[in-house]
Amino acid sequence: RLAEEAGLQGSEGEDFVRLSMIVKHNSAVAQRPTEDHSYHHLGLGLYELGCRANHSCFPNAIWLDAHDGPEGSRLFRSIRSIKKGQEVTNDYLSEHMQP
């Protein structure tokens, strides 16, 4: 139905729906801090490595906006020791549960 509403048919419609689902399930908000300590919403980003991290209710890393990097950059920061070869995990469900 999504592709039909966009006026797309056949493989174009299939590609559109596939891309829409990738963005819906793998995108992250890109933002930068403002002088009043709030955030300016830049849009959504698809981060190749960031969206590959698995969820954990007890993660060993957090995913943050990289305020000193290029606008829209994000980084993982460990919050406890991570051994070589150990999977980096992130609690990405909590951001989806916020009002």
C-alpha atoms as a PDB file:
ATOM      1  CA  ARG A   1       0.000   0.000   0.000  1.00  0.00           C
ATOM      2  CA  LEU A   2       2.871   2.385   0.792  1.00  0.00           C
ATOM      3  CA  ALA A   3       4.293   2.047  -2.730  1.00  0.00           C
ATOM      4  CA  GLU A   4       0.852   2.517  -4.286  1.00  0.00           C
ATOM      5  CA  GLU A   5       0.326   5.742  -2.316  1.00  0.00           C
ATOM      6  CA  ALA A   6       3.667   6.975  -3.672  1.00  0.00           C
ATOM      7  CA  GLY A   7       2.570   6.063  -7.210  1.00  0.00           C
ATOM      8  CA  LEU A   8       5.250   3.380  -7.621  1.00  0.00           C
ATOM      9  CA  GLN A   9       4.765  -0.031  -9.199  1.00  0.00           C
ATOM     10  CA  GLY A  10       6.745  -3.209  -9.749  1.00  0.00           C
ATOM     11  CA  SER A  11      10.394  -3.296  -8.734  1.00  0.00           C
ATOM     12  CA  GLU A  12      10.423   0.470  -8.060  1.00  0.00           C
ATOM     13  CA  GLY A  13       7.663  -0.034  -5.511  1.00  0.00           C
ATOM     14  CA  GLU A  14       9.439  -3.016  -3.939  1.00  0.00           C
ATOM     15  CA  ASP A  15      12.696  -1.037  -3.659  1.00  0.00           C
ATOM     16  CA  PHE A  16      10.836   1.905  -2.124  1.00  0.00           C
ATOM     17  CA  VAL A  17       9.154  -0.278   0.504  1.00  0.00           C
ATOM     18  CA  ARG A  18      12.443  -2.050   1.306  1.00  0.00           C
ATOM     19  CA  LEU A  19      14.282   1.263   1.759  1.00  0.00           C
ATOM     20  CA  SER A  20      11.420   2.656   3.852  1.00  0.00           C
ATOM     21  CA  MET A  21      11.616  -0.347   6.192  1.00  0.00           C
ATOM     22  CA  ILE A  22      15.412  -0.038   6.468  1.00  0.00           C
ATOM     23  CA  VAL A  23      15.067   3.623   7.468  1.00  0.00           C
ATOM     24  CA  LYS A  24      12.201   2.897   9.866  1.00  0.00           C
ATOM     25  CA  HIS A  25      14.021   0.122  11.719  1.00  0.00           C
ATOM     26  CA  ASN A  26      17.672   1.225  11.501  1.00  0.00           C
ATOM     27  CA  SER A  27      17.793   5.016  11.514  1.00  0.00           C
ATOM     28  CA  ALA A  28      18.882   7.153  14.438  1.00  0.00           C
ATOM     29  CA  VAL A  29      18.159  10.765  15.241  1.00  0.00           C
ATOM     30  CA  ALA A  30      21.021  13.105  14.376  1.00  0.00           C
ATOM     31  CA  GLN A  31      21.144  16.213  16.554  1.00  0.00           C
ATOM     32  CA  ARG A  32      23.529  18.818  17.878  1.00  0.00           C
ATOM     33  CA  PRO A  33      23.477  20.725  21.160  1.00  0.00           C
ATOM     34  CA  THR A  34      22.394  24.349  21.258  1.00  0.00           C
ATOM     35  CA  GLU A  35      23.579  27.170  23.499  1.00  0.00           C
ATOM     36  CA  ASP A  36      20.543  26.736  25.791  1.00  0.00           C
ATOM     37  CA  HIS A  37      21.542  23.063  26.388  1.00  0.00           C
ATOM     38  CA  SER A  38      18.692  21.666  24.315  1.00  0.00           C
ATOM     39  CA  TYR A  39      19.179  19.907  20.982  1.00  0.00           C
ATOM     40  CA  HIS A  40      18.660  20.940  17.373  1.00  0.00           C
ATOM     41  CA  HIS A  41      17.187  18.089  15.341  1.00  0.00           C
ATOM     42  CA  LEU A  42      19.212  17.592  12.138  1.00  0.00           C
ATOM     43  CA  GLY A  43      17.237  14.669  10.765  1.00  0.00           C
ATOM     44  CA  LEU A  44      17.623  10.915  10.605  1.00  0.00           C
ATOM     45  CA  GLY A  45      20.814   9.090   9.768  1.00  0.00           C
ATOM     46  CA  LEU A  46      21.679   5.564   8.732  1.00  0.00           C
ATOM     47  CA  TYR A  47      24.905   4.622  10.460  1.00  0.00           C
ATOM     48  CA  GLU A  48      26.417   1.501   8.914  1.00  0.00           C
ATOM     49  CA  LEU A  49      28.235   0.284  12.026  1.00  0.00           C
ATOM     50  CA  GLY A  50      25.894   1.778  14.603  1.00  0.00           C
ATOM     51  CA  CYS A  51      22.818  -0.032  13.382  1.00  0.00           C
ATOM     52  CA  ARG A  52      24.650  -3.362  13.512  1.00  0.00           C
ATOM     53  CA  ALA A  53      25.127  -3.286  17.279  1.00  0.00           C
ATOM     54  CA  ASN A  54      22.881  -5.690  19.132  1.00  0.00           C
ATOM     55  CA  HIS A  55      20.598  -4.677  21.971  1.00  0.00           C
ATOM     56  CA  SER A  56      21.280  -5.545  25.586  1.00  0.00           C
ATOM     57  CA  CYS A  57      19.367  -4.508  28.700  1.00  0.00           C
ATOM     58  CA  PHE A  58      22.836  -4.469  30.328  1.00  0.00           C
ATOM     59  CA  PRO A  59      24.933  -2.912  27.533  1.00  0.00           C
ATOM     60  CA  ASN A  60      28.680  -2.396  27.576  1.00  0.00           C
ATOM     61  CA  ALA A  61      28.493   0.783  25.462  1.00  0.00           C
ATOM     62  CA  ILE A  62      26.301   3.786  24.767  1.00  0.00           C
ATOM     63  CA  TRP A  63      25.768   5.474  21.417  1.00  0.00           C
ATOM     64  CA  LEU A  64      26.227   9.233  21.567  1.00  0.00           C
ATOM     65  CA  ASP A  65      26.210  12.253  19.328  1.00  0.00           C
ATOM     66  CA  ALA A  66      29.846  13.170  18.597  1.00  0.00           C
ATOM     67  CA  HIS A  67      29.705  16.876  19.383  1.00  0.00           C
ATOM     68  CA  ASP A  68      33.332  17.454  18.432  1.00  0.00           C
ATOM     69  CA  GLY A  69      33.088  15.616  15.094  1.00  0.00           C
ATOM     70  CA  PRO A  70      31.381  16.437  11.814  1.00  0.00           C
ATOM     71  CA  GLU A  71      27.745  17.476  12.220  1.00  0.00           C
ATOM     72  CA  GLY A  72      25.525  14.425  12.592  1.00  0.00           C
ATOM     73  CA  SER A  73      28.384  12.131  13.686  1.00  0.00           C
ATOM     74  CA  ARG A  74      27.797   9.518  16.375  1.00  0.00           C
ATOM     75  CA  LEU A  75      30.154   7.325  18.385  1.00  0.00           C
ATOM     76  CA  PHE A  76      30.110   4.377  20.757  1.00  0.00           C
ATOM     77  CA  ARG A  77      31.575   4.948  24.197  1.00  0.00           C
ATOM     78  CA  SER A  78      32.233   2.013  26.515  1.00  0.00           C
ATOM     79  CA  ILE A  79      30.508   2.134  29.893  1.00  0.00           C
ATOM     80  CA  ARG A  80      32.283  -0.950  31.210  1.00  0.00           C
ATOM     81  CA  SER A  81      35.237  -3.059  30.210  1.00  0.00           C
ATOM     82  CA  ILE A  82      35.017  -4.696  26.775  1.00  0.00           C
ATOM     83  CA  LYS A  83      37.437  -7.524  26.102  1.00  0.00           C
ATOM     84  CA  LYS A  84      39.040  -8.053  22.712  1.00  0.00           C
ATOM     85  CA  GLY A  85      36.626  -9.999  20.518  1.00  0.00           C
ATOM     86  CA  GLN A  86      33.644  -9.301  22.803  1.00  0.00           C
ATOM     87  CA  GLU A  87      30.485  -7.992  21.167  1.00  0.00           C
ATOM     88  CA  VAL A  88      29.712  -4.290  21.642  1.00  0.00           C
ATOM     89  CA  THR A  89      26.111  -3.938  22.828  1.00  0.00           C
ATOM     90  CA  ASN A  90      23.817  -0.971  23.219  1.00  0.00           C
ATOM     91  CA  ASP A  91      20.440  -0.365  24.889  1.00  0.00           C
ATOM     92  CA  TYR A  92      18.618   1.045  21.887  1.00  0.00           C
ATOM     93  CA  LEU A  93      15.138   0.124  23.061  1.00  0.00           C
ATOM     94  CA  SER A  94      15.051   2.785  25.791  1.00  0.00           C
ATOM     95  CA  GLU A  95      15.176   5.606  23.209  1.00  0.00           C
ATOM     96  CA  HIS A  96      12.139   4.083  21.457  1.00  0.00           C
ATOM     97  CA  MET A  97      10.218   3.867  24.738  1.00  0.00           C
ATOM     98  CA  GLN A  98      10.586   7.562  25.550  1.00  0.00           C
ATOM     99  CA  PRO A  99       7.507   9.773  25.108  1.00  0.00           C
END
